[in-house]
Amino acid sequence: MASASLLKSSPVLDKSEFVKGQPLLRQHAVAAAVRCQPVSPSALTVRASSYADELVKTAKTVASPGRGILAMDESNATCGKRLASIGLENTEANRQAYRTLLVTPPGIGQYISGAILFEETLYQSTVDGKKIVDILVEQGIVPGIKVDKGLVPLAGSNNESWCQGLDGLASRSAAYYQQGARFAKWRTVVSIPNGPSALAVKEAAWGLARYAAISQDNGLVPIVEPEILLDGEHGIDRTFEVALKVWAEVFFYLAENNVLFEGILLKPSMVTPGAECKDRATPEQVADYTLKLLKRRIPPAVPGIMFLSGGQSEVEATLNLNAMNQAPNPWHVSFSYARALQNTCLKTWGGRPENVKAAQEALLVRAKANSLAQLGKYTGEGESEEAKQGMFVKGYSY
């Protein structure tokens, strides 16, 4: 198991050796009783949880060829912002209508392996009265659940944040599992313009590790997401430097918490320049820096790397993913996109029932494009100008 501590057998001390400067007592009766007992392989590993086999199977299912994750776990407040952009009120009925649109396109499971849900959605039904979780399973999509409780100011830091939600997480995770969720997501952030401080990085890493251990104990594959925000004027080298430090801390604490690496998924930021940097990076440069980061920090035991889009345009996020899949990788390198899958779909729908079919077709177009990118076969031909528009919002909150 990848997270197990490396144990070394201790050599039998020779009778001439000393302990703390004192000669060892040689008592024949005691010496005769001491034997080197063989250590079974199971004693050398850390048992993640009673769900270990299921966790590995779930992670492999989500990290399946040509498929990725639809992130539709926006909080009700953030979903309200989406609805407001097309002139709709933030009501439960409107949220239900939009979420129904997202999960019911025929054949979407060909491109989407998992869907991250907000708590309301996990317990919600479609407008036709069918449970959303059941619809996803019928589509061959694994239901997931956002479990963090959002960001709050981190005292003692450089105006940075930490993620809350560990209190009660075990009982909530058990309930989510009973409701049909099989993986979880916890998003924390690291801000480059604000440092990042060692305190903020360590807090982010420790919180992710505790969440991951608790999730696995309750049957949920944890998606580990320390988002390095796009905000800032820094270049791609600075992003790379920070990402190396963040992921080193994350995997140190994952190991300290006995997390089963084969039973997790990662949701990292791509290594890009800051959104306000004058020097832009090509997809090939993004791929080069990002893959270099992964190779230096991510164990091959991790089955899937599901990138976030972080405010990139729909096309940019797909091009960058495609560039990373031009050569074989030790991991399944794929996507976990929200706006980069939903934006054109949402605008096409506009809240009008007669536009549902066209909106779902737009969603399928984006899902298929990213499916091709996961396979390294995306060309970018025929993309609309709308899909090329960046979606970065400074100080964006979820």
Protein backbone atom coordinates (compact mmCIF):
# COMPACT_ATOMS: atom_id res chain seq x y z
CA MET A 1 0.00 0.00 0.00
CA ALA A 2 1.53 3.32 -1.06
CA SER A 3 0.84 5.19 2.18
CA ALA A 4 2.40 2.59 4.42
CA SER A 5 5.45 3.61 6.42
CA LEU A 6 8.64 1.96 5.24
CA LEU A 7 9.70 -0.45 7.94
CA LYS A 8 13.18 -1.86 8.27
CA SER A 9 13.99 -4.94 10.28
CA SER A 10 16.41 -4.28 13.12
CA PRO A 11 19.58 -6.35 13.04
CA VAL A 12 20.25 -8.56 16.08
CA LEU A 13 22.80 -6.77 18.22
CA ASP A 14 26.13 -8.48 18.61
CA LYS A 15 27.03 -9.24 22.22
CA SER A 16 29.89 -6.77 22.00
CA GLU A 17 27.60 -3.87 21.13
CA PHE A 18 26.57 -1.21 23.66
CA VAL A 19 23.27 0.47 24.51
CA LYS A 20 23.56 4.03 25.81
CA GLY A 21 27.21 3.42 26.51
CA GLN A 22 26.62 0.36 28.69
CA PRO A 23 27.52 -3.22 27.71
CA LEU A 24 24.57 -5.47 27.00
CA LEU A 25 23.75 -7.99 29.72
CA ARG A 26 24.30 -11.48 28.46
CA GLN A 27 21.99 -13.92 30.14
CA HIS A 28 21.93 -17.26 28.41
CA ALA A 29 18.34 -17.98 29.41
CA VAL A 30 17.12 -14.69 27.95
CA ALA A 31 19.26 -15.00 24.83
CA ALA A 32 17.91 -18.45 24.20
CA ALA A 33 14.36 -17.16 24.40
CA VAL A 34 14.88 -14.32 21.90
CA ARG A 35 14.07 -15.26 18.34
CA CYS A 36 13.64 -13.18 15.16
CA GLN A 37 10.00 -13.67 14.27
CA PRO A 38 9.10 -13.44 10.58
CA VAL A 39 6.93 -10.42 9.78
CA SER A 40 3.92 -11.08 7.58
CA PRO A 41 3.38 -8.75 4.60
CA SER A 42 0.09 -7.54 6.10
CA ALA A 43 1.96 -6.22 9.13
CA LEU A 44 3.97 -3.91 6.88
CA THR A 45 0.95 -2.08 5.49
CA VAL A 46 -1.51 0.43 6.84
CA ARG A 47 -5.12 -0.63 6.66
CA ALA A 48 -7.03 2.31 5.21
CA SER A 49 -10.48 1.10 6.22
CA SER A 50 -12.82 -1.81 5.86
CA TYR A 51 -13.80 -0.20 2.53
CA ALA A 52 -10.30 -0.49 1.01
CA ASP A 53 -11.22 -2.74 -1.92
CA GLU A 54 -14.33 -0.70 -2.70
CA LEU A 55 -12.38 2.56 -2.56
CA VAL A 56 -9.86 1.28 -5.09
CA LYS A 57 -12.64 0.06 -7.38
CA THR A 58 -14.54 3.36 -7.17
CA ALA A 59 -11.43 5.41 -7.90
CA LYS A 60 -10.63 3.28 -10.95
CA THR A 61 -14.22 3.62 -12.19
CA VAL A 62 -14.09 7.42 -12.01
CA ALA A 63 -10.63 7.39 -13.61
CA SER A 64 -11.77 5.44 -16.66
CA PRO A 65 -10.51 6.14 -20.21
CA GLY A 66 -12.20 8.95 -22.09
CA ARG A 67 -14.23 10.13 -19.11
CA GLY A 68 -14.03 12.78 -16.42
CA ILE A 69 -16.04 14.52 -13.72
CA LEU A 70 -18.91 16.98 -14.05
CA ALA A 71 -18.55 19.35 -11.09
CA MET A 72 -22.07 20.56 -10.30
CA ASP A 73 -21.56 21.08 -6.58
CA GLU A 74 -22.06 24.83 -6.52
CA SER A 75 -23.58 26.00 -3.26
CA ASN A 76 -27.11 27.36 -3.43
CA ALA A 77 -25.67 30.87 -3.29
CA THR A 78 -23.28 30.24 -6.18
CA CYS A 79 -25.98 28.45 -8.15
CA GLY A 80 -28.01 31.60 -7.60
CA LYS A 81 -25.28 33.62 -9.34
CA ARG A 82 -25.45 31.26 -12.31
CA LEU A 83 -29.23 31.60 -12.48
CA ALA A 84 -29.07 35.38 -12.09
CA SER A 85 -26.77 35.56 -15.13
CA ILE A 86 -29.68 34.30 -17.26
CA GLY A 87 -32.36 36.31 -15.46
CA LEU A 88 -33.74 33.63 -13.12
CA GLU A 89 -34.44 33.89 -9.41
CA ASN A 90 -32.56 31.67 -6.99
CA THR A 91 -35.42 29.36 -6.02
CA GLU A 92 -35.34 25.65 -5.26
CA ALA A 93 -37.54 25.01 -8.30
CA ASN A 94 -35.12 26.81 -10.63
CA ARG A 95 -32.11 25.04 -9.12
CA GLN A 96 -33.95 21.75 -9.55
CA ALA A 97 -34.72 22.53 -13.20
CA TYR A 98 -31.11 23.38 -13.96
CA ARG A 99 -29.71 20.33 -12.20
CA THR A 100 -32.24 18.13 -13.98
CA LEU A 101 -30.98 19.53 -17.28
CA LEU A 102 -27.39 18.63 -16.35
CA VAL A 103 -27.94 15.00 -15.37
CA THR A 104 -30.44 13.85 -18.00
CA PRO A 105 -28.78 14.30 -21.44
CA PRO A 106 -29.01 10.91 -23.18
CA GLY A 107 -25.62 9.21 -23.33
CA ILE A 108 -23.73 11.67 -21.16
CA GLY A 109 -22.26 8.74 -19.23
CA GLN A 110 -20.13 7.98 -22.27
CA TYR A 111 -18.05 11.06 -21.41
CA ILE A 112 -18.74 11.63 -17.70
CA SER A 113 -17.71 9.10 -15.05
CA GLY A 114 -18.57 11.05 -11.91
CA ALA A 115 -20.69 14.01 -10.82
CA ILE A 116 -19.96 16.10 -7.73
CA LEU A 117 -23.19 17.19 -6.05
CA PHE A 118 -24.11 19.78 -3.45
CA GLU A 119 -25.88 18.37 -0.39
CA GLU A 120 -29.28 19.65 -1.56
CA THR A 121 -28.78 17.88 -4.90
CA LEU A 122 -27.82 14.56 -3.30
CA TYR A 123 -31.27 14.40 -1.70
CA GLN A 124 -33.09 16.10 -4.58
CA SER A 125 -35.30 14.65 -7.32
CA THR A 126 -35.61 15.76 -10.93
CA VAL A 127 -38.61 17.72 -12.15
CA ASP A 128 -40.09 14.34 -13.12
CA GLY A 129 -39.82 13.06 -9.57
CA LYS A 130 -36.88 10.68 -10.05
CA LYS A 131 -34.00 10.79 -7.60
CA ILE A 132 -31.01 12.56 -9.11
CA VAL A 133 -28.69 9.93 -7.63
CA ASP A 134 -30.67 7.18 -9.37
CA ILE A 135 -30.55 9.04 -12.69
CA LEU A 136 -26.77 9.31 -12.43
CA VAL A 137 -26.35 5.62 -11.65
CA GLU A 138 -28.57 4.73 -14.62
CA GLN A 139 -26.26 6.86 -16.79
CA GLY A 140 -23.21 4.98 -15.49
CA ILE A 141 -22.06 8.00 -13.50
CA VAL A 142 -20.73 7.70 -9.94
CA PRO A 143 -22.40 10.20 -7.55
CA GLY A 144 -20.09 12.32 -5.41
CA ILE A 145 -20.66 14.93 -2.71
CA LYS A 146 -19.05 18.23 -1.67
CA VAL A 147 -18.33 17.90 2.06
CA ASP A 148 -16.37 21.02 3.03
CA LYS A 149 -18.15 23.94 4.67
CA GLY A 150 -16.36 26.72 2.85
CA LEU A 151 -13.48 29.09 3.50
CA VAL A 152 -12.99 31.34 6.51
CA PRO A 153 -10.16 33.74 7.44
CA LEU A 154 -7.04 32.04 8.82
CA ALA A 155 -5.92 33.84 11.97
CA GLY A 156 -2.21 34.65 12.05
CA SER A 157 -1.84 34.47 8.27
CA ASN A 158 -1.28 37.03 5.54
CA ASN A 159 -5.00 37.61 4.91
CA GLU A 160 -5.37 33.96 3.84
CA SER A 161 -8.08 31.35 4.32
CA TRP A 162 -8.59 27.88 5.69
CA CYS A 163 -11.35 25.39 4.97
CA GLN A 164 -13.83 24.36 7.64
CA GLY A 165 -15.99 21.25 7.87
CA LEU A 166 -14.11 18.57 9.81
CA ASP A 167 -16.52 18.75 12.75
CA GLY A 168 -19.20 16.13 12.21
CA LEU A 169 -17.63 14.98 8.94
CA ALA A 170 -17.61 11.30 9.90
CA SER A 171 -21.35 11.16 10.60
CA ARG A 172 -22.17 13.24 7.52
CA SER A 173 -19.98 11.02 5.33
CA ALA A 174 -21.72 7.90 6.62
CA ALA A 175 -25.10 9.46 5.80
CA TYR A 176 -23.94 10.49 2.32
CA TYR A 177 -22.74 6.95 1.65
CA GLN A 178 -26.15 5.60 2.64
CA GLN A 179 -27.74 8.10 0.24
CA GLY A 180 -25.65 6.75 -2.65
CA ALA A 181 -22.54 8.95 -2.76
CA ARG A 182 -19.30 7.06 -3.40
CA PHE A 183 -16.75 9.83 -3.49
CA ALA A 184 -16.28 13.19 -1.80
CA LYS A 185 -14.72 16.55 -2.54
CA TRP A 186 -13.01 19.03 -0.24
CA ARG A 187 -11.75 22.28 -1.76
CA THR A 188 -9.26 24.52 -0.04
CA VAL A 189 -7.26 27.31 -1.66
CA VAL A 190 -3.77 28.74 -1.76
CA SER A 191 -3.25 32.36 -2.82
CA ILE A 192 0.07 33.28 -4.41
CA PRO A 193 -0.24 37.10 -4.11
CA ASN A 194 -0.70 36.65 -0.36
CA GLY A 195 2.47 34.63 0.09
CA PRO A 196 1.51 31.94 0.44
CA SER A 197 2.53 31.68 4.09
CA ALA A 198 3.91 28.43 5.50
CA LEU A 199 1.00 28.47 7.94
CA ALA A 200 -1.61 28.58 5.17
CA VAL A 201 0.05 25.80 3.18
CA LYS A 202 0.37 23.56 6.23
CA GLU A 203 -3.23 24.23 7.29
CA ALA A 204 -4.48 23.40 3.79
CA ALA A 205 -2.46 20.18 3.66
CA TRP A 206 -3.44 19.01 7.14
CA GLY A 207 -7.14 19.70 6.58
CA LEU A 208 -7.10 17.79 3.30
CA ALA A 209 -5.36 14.84 4.94
CA ARG A 210 -7.80 14.64 7.85
CA TYR A 211 -10.75 14.90 5.47
CA ALA A 212 -9.28 12.18 3.24
CA ALA A 213 -8.77 9.77 6.14
CA ILE A 214 -12.29 10.36 7.48
CA SER A 215 -13.82 9.94 4.03
CA GLN A 216 -12.06 6.63 3.42
CA ASP A 217 -13.14 5.34 6.82
CA ASN A 218 -16.72 5.90 5.69
CA GLY A 219 -16.49 4.43 2.19
CA LEU A 220 -16.01 7.63 0.19
CA VAL A 221 -13.11 8.14 -2.21
CA PRO A 222 -11.70 11.58 -1.32
CA ILE A 223 -10.94 14.07 -4.06
CA VAL A 224 -7.99 16.08 -2.76
CA GLU A 225 -8.21 19.67 -4.02
CA PRO A 226 -5.76 22.36 -2.94
CA GLU A 227 -6.64 24.95 -5.58
CA ILE A 228 -3.85 27.38 -6.35
CA LEU A 229 -5.83 30.43 -7.34
CA LEU A 230 -5.28 32.14 -10.69
CA ASP A 231 -5.38 35.58 -9.06
CA GLY A 232 -2.16 37.56 -9.51
CA GLU A 233 0.45 38.92 -11.90
CA HIS A 234 3.02 36.17 -11.25
CA GLY A 235 4.58 34.11 -14.02
CA ILE A 236 4.36 30.38 -14.61
CA ASP A 237 7.65 29.70 -12.81
CA ARG A 238 6.28 31.17 -9.59
CA THR A 239 3.14 29.03 -9.89
CA PHE A 240 5.34 25.97 -10.39
CA GLU A 241 7.43 26.82 -7.32
CA VAL A 242 4.37 27.20 -5.10
CA ALA A 243 2.72 24.06 -6.48
CA LEU A 244 5.81 21.99 -5.67
CA LYS A 245 5.67 23.13 -2.05
CA VAL A 246 1.92 22.65 -1.69
CA TRP A 247 1.87 19.11 -3.06
CA ALA A 248 4.93 18.11 -1.02
CA GLU A 249 3.07 19.15 2.14
CA VAL A 250 -0.16 17.50 1.04
CA PHE A 251 1.39 14.10 0.42
CA PHE A 252 3.45 14.26 3.60
CA TYR A 253 0.29 14.68 5.67
CA LEU A 254 -1.71 12.18 3.62
CA ALA A 255 0.93 9.59 4.51
CA GLU A 256 0.97 10.71 8.15
CA ASN A 257 -2.79 10.09 8.27
CA ASN A 258 -2.48 6.62 6.71
CA VAL A 259 -4.51 7.53 3.64
CA LEU A 260 -4.69 4.81 0.98
CA PHE A 261 -3.21 6.42 -2.12
CA GLU A 262 -4.85 3.90 -4.47
CA GLY A 263 -8.21 5.04 -3.09
CA ILE A 264 -7.96 8.79 -3.68
CA LEU A 265 -8.30 11.16 -6.63
CA LEU A 266 -6.60 14.53 -7.04
CA LYS A 267 -8.09 17.76 -8.32
CA PRO A 268 -5.12 20.06 -8.89
CA SER A 269 -4.80 23.37 -10.64
CA MET A 270 -2.90 23.35 -13.90
CA VAL A 271 0.42 25.17 -13.72
CA THR A 272 -0.31 28.45 -15.51
CA PRO A 273 0.73 32.09 -15.15
CA GLY A 274 -1.40 34.31 -12.95
CA ALA A 275 -4.52 35.61 -14.66
CA GLU A 276 -3.11 39.15 -14.75
CA CYS A 277 0.34 38.14 -15.99
CA LYS A 278 1.26 39.74 -19.32
CA ASP A 279 3.12 36.64 -20.49
CA ARG A 280 0.61 33.97 -21.47
CA ALA A 281 1.48 30.29 -21.78
CA THR A 282 0.75 27.96 -24.68
CA PRO A 283 -0.99 24.63 -24.06
CA GLU A 284 2.37 22.93 -24.62
CA GLN A 285 4.03 25.07 -21.93
CA VAL A 286 1.19 24.44 -19.49
CA ALA A 287 1.46 20.71 -20.15
CA ASP A 288 5.24 20.74 -19.73
CA TYR A 289 5.18 22.52 -16.37
CA THR A 290 2.17 20.62 -15.08
CA LEU A 291 3.49 17.17 -15.98
CA LYS A 292 6.85 18.09 -14.47
CA LEU A 293 5.03 18.94 -11.24
CA LEU A 294 3.11 15.67 -11.25
CA LYS A 295 6.22 13.59 -11.89
CA ARG A 296 8.08 15.25 -9.02
CA ARG A 297 5.31 15.14 -6.45
CA ILE A 298 2.54 12.62 -7.23
CA PRO A 299 3.06 8.88 -6.54
CA PRO A 300 2.05 6.61 -9.42
CA ALA A 301 -0.18 4.71 -6.97
CA VAL A 302 -2.71 7.56 -7.30
CA PRO A 303 -5.14 6.41 -10.02
CA GLY A 304 -6.54 9.69 -11.29
CA ILE A 305 -5.59 13.36 -11.72
CA MET A 306 -8.82 15.26 -12.41
CA PHE A 307 -7.86 18.85 -13.21
CA LEU A 308 -9.94 21.87 -12.29
CA SER A 309 -10.40 24.63 -14.85
CA GLY A 310 -10.16 27.54 -12.43
CA GLY A 311 -11.66 30.23 -14.66
CA GLN A 312 -10.02 29.21 -17.94
CA SER A 313 -12.22 29.39 -21.01
CA GLU A 314 -13.97 26.22 -22.10
CA VAL A 315 -11.62 25.81 -25.06
CA GLU A 316 -8.45 26.72 -23.14
CA ALA A 317 -9.18 24.13 -20.44
CA THR A 318 -9.74 21.48 -23.11
CA LEU A 319 -6.63 22.39 -25.13
CA ASN A 320 -4.43 22.26 -22.03
CA LEU A 321 -5.82 18.87 -21.03
CA ASN A 322 -5.28 17.55 -24.54
CA ALA A 323 -1.65 18.70 -24.52
CA MET A 324 -1.03 16.77 -21.30
CA ASN A 325 -2.32 13.58 -22.89
CA GLN A 326 -0.03 13.54 -25.92
CA ALA A 327 2.23 11.00 -24.22
CA PRO A 328 1.53 8.17 -21.75
CA ASN A 329 1.30 9.13 -18.07
CA PRO A 330 1.47 6.97 -14.92
CA TRP A 331 -1.95 8.33 -13.96
CA HIS A 332 -5.30 8.86 -15.64
CA VAL A 333 -5.05 12.58 -16.48
CA SER A 334 -8.54 13.99 -16.94
CA PHE A 335 -10.97 16.74 -15.97
CA SER A 336 -13.26 17.82 -13.16
CA TYR A 337 -14.80 20.93 -14.66
CA ALA A 338 -17.71 23.10 -13.59
CA ARG A 339 -17.91 26.32 -15.59
CA ALA A 340 -15.74 24.87 -18.38
CA LEU A 341 -18.48 22.29 -18.99
CA GLN A 342 -21.56 24.29 -18.04
CA ASN A 343 -21.10 27.81 -19.36
CA THR A 344 -22.37 27.43 -22.94
CA CYS A 345 -25.03 25.00 -21.76
CA LEU A 346 -26.36 27.50 -19.20
CA LYS A 347 -26.49 30.38 -21.68
CA THR A 348 -28.15 28.22 -24.33
CA TRP A 349 -30.85 27.19 -21.86
CA GLY A 350 -31.61 30.70 -20.63
CA GLY A 351 -34.22 29.29 -18.27
CA ARG A 352 -36.60 28.43 -21.13
CA PRO A 353 -38.14 24.94 -21.28
CA GLU A 354 -38.08 24.99 -25.08
CA ASN A 355 -34.27 25.37 -24.97
CA VAL A 356 -33.57 22.32 -22.80
CA LYS A 357 -32.71 20.02 -25.71
CA ALA A 358 -30.33 22.54 -27.30
CA ALA A 359 -28.71 23.21 -23.92
CA GLN A 360 -28.16 19.51 -23.33
CA GLU A 361 -26.64 19.17 -26.78
CA ALA A 362 -24.25 22.00 -25.89
CA LEU A 363 -23.29 20.16 -22.70
CA LEU A 364 -22.67 16.97 -24.67
CA VAL A 365 -20.46 18.88 -27.11
CA ARG A 366 -18.25 20.10 -24.26
CA ALA A 367 -18.25 16.71 -22.53
CA LYS A 368 -17.23 14.98 -25.76
CA ALA A 369 -14.51 17.56 -26.41
CA ASN A 370 -12.97 16.90 -23.01
CA SER A 371 -13.39 13.16 -23.47
CA LEU A 372 -11.31 13.46 -26.64
CA ALA A 373 -8.79 15.62 -24.77
CA GLN A 374 -8.43 12.91 -22.13
CA LEU A 375 -7.53 10.55 -24.95
CA GLY A 376 -5.21 13.13 -26.54
CA LYS A 377 -7.39 13.38 -29.66
CA TYR A 378 -8.98 16.85 -29.37
CA THR A 379 -8.37 19.20 -32.31
CA GLY A 380 -10.29 22.35 -31.36
CA GLU A 381 -11.97 22.54 -34.75
CA GLY A 382 -15.42 24.11 -34.96
CA GLU A 383 -15.36 25.74 -31.51
CA SER A 384 -17.50 28.84 -31.06
CA GLU A 385 -16.13 32.23 -30.05
CA GLU A 386 -18.27 32.02 -26.91
CA ALA A 387 -16.41 28.89 -25.82
CA LYS A 388 -13.09 30.73 -26.17
CA GLN A 389 -14.01 33.48 -23.71
CA GLY A 390 -12.17 33.34 -20.39
CA MET A 391 -14.24 33.01 -17.21
CA PHE A 392 -11.74 34.22 -14.62
CA VAL A 393 -13.28 36.39 -11.90
CA LYS A 394 -10.91 38.05 -9.45
CA GLY A 395 -11.62 36.94 -5.89
CA TYR A 396 -14.20 34.43 -7.12
CA SER A 397 -16.01 32.52 -4.36
CA TYR A 398 -17.88 29.24 -4.71
